Amino acid sequence: DGVAQYRRVPLTSCRSALNSYQKGKCFYCNCTISLSEADLHPHVDHFFPWILQAETEFLGDVDGVWNLVLACRDCNSRKGTKLPTARLQNWLLTRNHFLIESHHPLREALMSQYGGAGRQRIERFHVERWNEARRLGRVVAWDG
C-alpha cells in the first residue's frame, strides 16, 4: 500500500527558519502571525498538498523546505488539500530563488532539493510539479 510508506512528520522545527523570510506574515493572506503568541501561532503548510505524496508517486519530497510555508490557521484550514493557484506558486518560486541567491541558511537544503540553483532550474522544477499535481486531478485550485 503506497499510503503506508508515507507518514506525516512534525515540521514545527522549521517555523523560525521560514519566518525569517516571511517576517511574521501568513504566506497566503499576509496577516500577522507570531512564533511567540499562541493565538497567532502559524501552521507549517505544504504548498503542494501532502496528500499528493501519500496517495501517488508525486515528483519530489513534499516535506522539503522548497514546499513549506507558514500559514495562519484560517488559511491553512481553508486551503486543506487544494493546490494554490499559479499566482501563489510564483510567490513560492520567488521566495525560494531569493533564499538561494541571498545565501540564507536554507540555501543548501533548497539547492539539494532543486538539484542546483538558477532561476530556470527552479521554474522548471515548479512547472513539472504543478503539471503533475494537475494531471493527478486530486486537487482544486485555491487562491487564498
Protein backbone atom coordinates (compact mmCIF):
# COMPACT_ATOMS: atom_id res chain seq x y z
CA ASP A 1 0.00 0.00 0.00
CA GLY A 2 1.58 3.32 -1.14
CA VAL A 3 -0.08 5.34 1.60
CA ALA A 4 1.51 3.27 4.37
CA GLN A 5 5.04 4.19 3.27
CA TYR A 6 4.43 7.91 3.82
CA ARG A 7 3.91 9.12 7.35
CA ARG A 8 3.38 12.70 8.36
CA VAL A 9 6.34 14.05 10.26
CA PRO A 10 6.35 17.05 12.62
CA LEU A 11 7.53 20.16 10.80
CA THR A 12 7.24 22.73 13.57
CA SER A 13 11.03 22.87 13.98
CA CYS A 14 11.36 24.79 10.70
CA ARG A 15 9.00 27.60 11.76
CA SER A 16 11.69 30.07 12.69
CA ALA A 17 13.72 29.49 9.51
CA LEU A 18 10.62 30.02 7.38
CA ASN A 19 9.60 33.03 9.45
CA SER A 20 12.94 34.71 8.80
CA TYR A 21 11.77 35.19 5.20
CA GLN A 22 8.06 35.72 5.84
CA LYS A 23 8.73 38.28 8.59
CA GLY A 24 5.72 37.41 10.73
CA LYS A 25 3.19 37.27 7.87
CA CYS A 26 0.99 34.46 6.55
CA PHE A 27 2.27 33.31 3.15
CA TYR A 28 -1.23 33.35 1.67
CA CYS A 29 -3.14 36.32 3.14
CA ASN A 30 -0.29 38.39 4.62
CA CYS A 31 -1.99 38.67 8.04
CA THR A 32 0.19 38.82 11.16
CA ILE A 33 1.45 35.54 12.61
CA SER A 34 3.67 35.11 15.65
CA LEU A 35 6.02 32.41 16.85
CA SER A 36 5.53 33.55 20.44
CA GLU A 37 1.81 34.37 20.75
CA ALA A 38 -0.28 31.18 20.94
CA ASP A 39 -3.37 32.69 19.28
CA LEU A 40 -1.27 33.85 16.29
CA HIS A 41 0.89 30.72 16.08
CA PRO A 42 1.42 29.79 12.43
CA HIS A 43 0.96 26.39 10.88
CA VAL A 44 3.66 24.91 8.68
CA ASP A 45 1.78 24.23 5.47
CA HIS A 46 2.62 22.07 2.48
CA PHE A 47 2.17 24.32 -0.55
CA PHE A 48 1.73 21.27 -2.76
CA PRO A 49 -0.61 19.26 -0.50
CA TRP A 50 0.90 16.41 1.48
CA ILE A 51 -1.83 14.09 0.20
CA LEU A 52 -0.19 14.15 -3.26
CA GLN A 53 2.82 12.23 -2.00
CA ALA A 54 0.81 10.00 0.31
CA GLU A 55 -1.56 8.80 -2.40
CA THR A 56 0.52 8.98 -5.57
CA GLU A 57 4.03 8.86 -6.90
CA PHE A 58 4.26 12.65 -6.88
CA LEU A 59 7.55 14.14 -8.05
CA GLY A 60 9.68 15.31 -5.17
CA ASP A 61 9.52 15.27 -1.40
CA VAL A 62 6.58 17.39 -0.28
CA ASP A 63 8.18 17.70 3.18
CA GLY A 64 11.15 19.53 1.63
CA VAL A 65 11.65 23.18 2.54
CA TRP A 66 11.02 24.07 -1.13
CA ASN A 67 7.36 23.22 -0.45
CA LEU A 68 6.84 24.56 3.08
CA VAL A 69 5.33 27.91 4.06
CA LEU A 70 3.93 29.45 7.21
CA ALA A 71 0.19 29.99 7.15
CA CYS A 72 -2.33 31.41 9.57
CA ARG A 73 -4.81 28.92 10.98
CA ASP A 74 -7.65 30.24 8.79
CA CYS A 75 -5.73 29.93 5.51
CA ASN A 76 -4.35 26.52 6.40
CA SER A 77 -7.79 25.13 7.23
CA ARG A 78 -9.47 26.75 4.16
CA LYS A 79 -6.75 25.51 1.82
CA GLY A 80 -6.87 21.90 3.00
CA THR A 81 -5.81 19.64 0.11
CA LYS A 82 -6.31 22.27 -2.59
CA LEU A 83 -3.47 23.36 -4.84
CA PRO A 84 -2.69 27.08 -4.68
CA THR A 85 -3.01 29.00 -7.93
CA ALA A 86 -0.18 29.90 -10.28
CA ARG A 87 -0.05 33.39 -8.70
CA LEU A 88 0.74 31.89 -5.30
CA GLN A 89 3.10 29.37 -6.85
CA ASN A 90 5.04 32.26 -8.35
CA TRP A 91 5.42 33.74 -4.85
CA LEU A 92 6.85 30.41 -3.65
CA LEU A 93 9.22 30.25 -6.61
CA THR A 94 10.33 33.84 -5.98
CA ARG A 95 10.84 33.14 -2.27
CA ASN A 96 12.93 30.06 -2.91
CA HIS A 97 15.03 31.77 -5.57
CA PHE A 98 15.60 34.71 -3.20
CA LEU A 99 16.69 32.37 -0.37
CA ILE A 100 19.19 30.63 -2.63
CA GLU A 101 20.59 33.88 -4.03
CA SER A 102 20.81 35.57 -0.61
CA HIS A 103 22.84 32.72 0.91
CA HIS A 104 20.15 32.22 3.55
CA PRO A 105 20.74 29.27 5.92
CA LEU A 106 18.13 27.33 3.91
CA ARG A 107 20.18 27.78 0.73
CA GLU A 108 21.94 24.41 0.80
CA ALA A 109 18.74 22.48 1.56
CA LEU A 110 16.93 24.23 -1.28
CA MET A 111 19.75 23.67 -3.75
CA SER A 112 19.88 19.96 -2.95
CA GLN A 113 16.10 19.65 -3.33
CA TYR A 114 16.12 21.52 -6.65
CA GLY A 115 19.23 19.77 -7.91
CA GLY A 116 21.14 23.03 -8.10
CA ALA A 117 20.47 26.74 -8.35
CA GLY A 118 19.39 29.08 -11.10
CA ARG A 119 16.01 30.60 -11.77
CA GLN A 120 15.34 28.44 -14.86
CA ARG A 121 16.04 25.21 -12.95
CA ILE A 122 13.74 26.30 -10.12
CA GLU A 123 11.00 27.34 -12.55
CA ARG A 124 11.24 24.03 -14.43
CA PHE A 125 11.06 22.12 -11.13
CA HIS A 126 7.90 24.03 -10.12
CA VAL A 127 6.25 23.71 -13.52
CA GLU A 128 6.84 19.95 -13.52
CA ARG A 129 5.27 19.57 -10.07
CA TRP A 130 2.38 21.90 -10.94
CA ASN A 131 1.63 19.94 -14.10
CA GLU A 132 1.93 16.63 -12.25
CA ALA A 133 -0.44 17.77 -9.50
CA ARG A 134 -2.97 18.98 -12.07
CA ARG A 135 -2.64 15.75 -14.06
CA LEU A 136 -3.35 13.70 -10.95
CA GLY A 137 -6.61 15.61 -10.62
CA ARG A 138 -6.56 15.28 -6.82
CA VAL A 139 -6.63 18.98 -6.09
CA VAL A 140 -8.64 22.08 -6.87
CA ALA A 141 -7.03 25.50 -7.40
CA TRP A 142 -7.16 27.82 -4.36
CA ASP A 143 -6.23 31.50 -4.25
CA GLY A 144 -6.35 32.39 -0.57
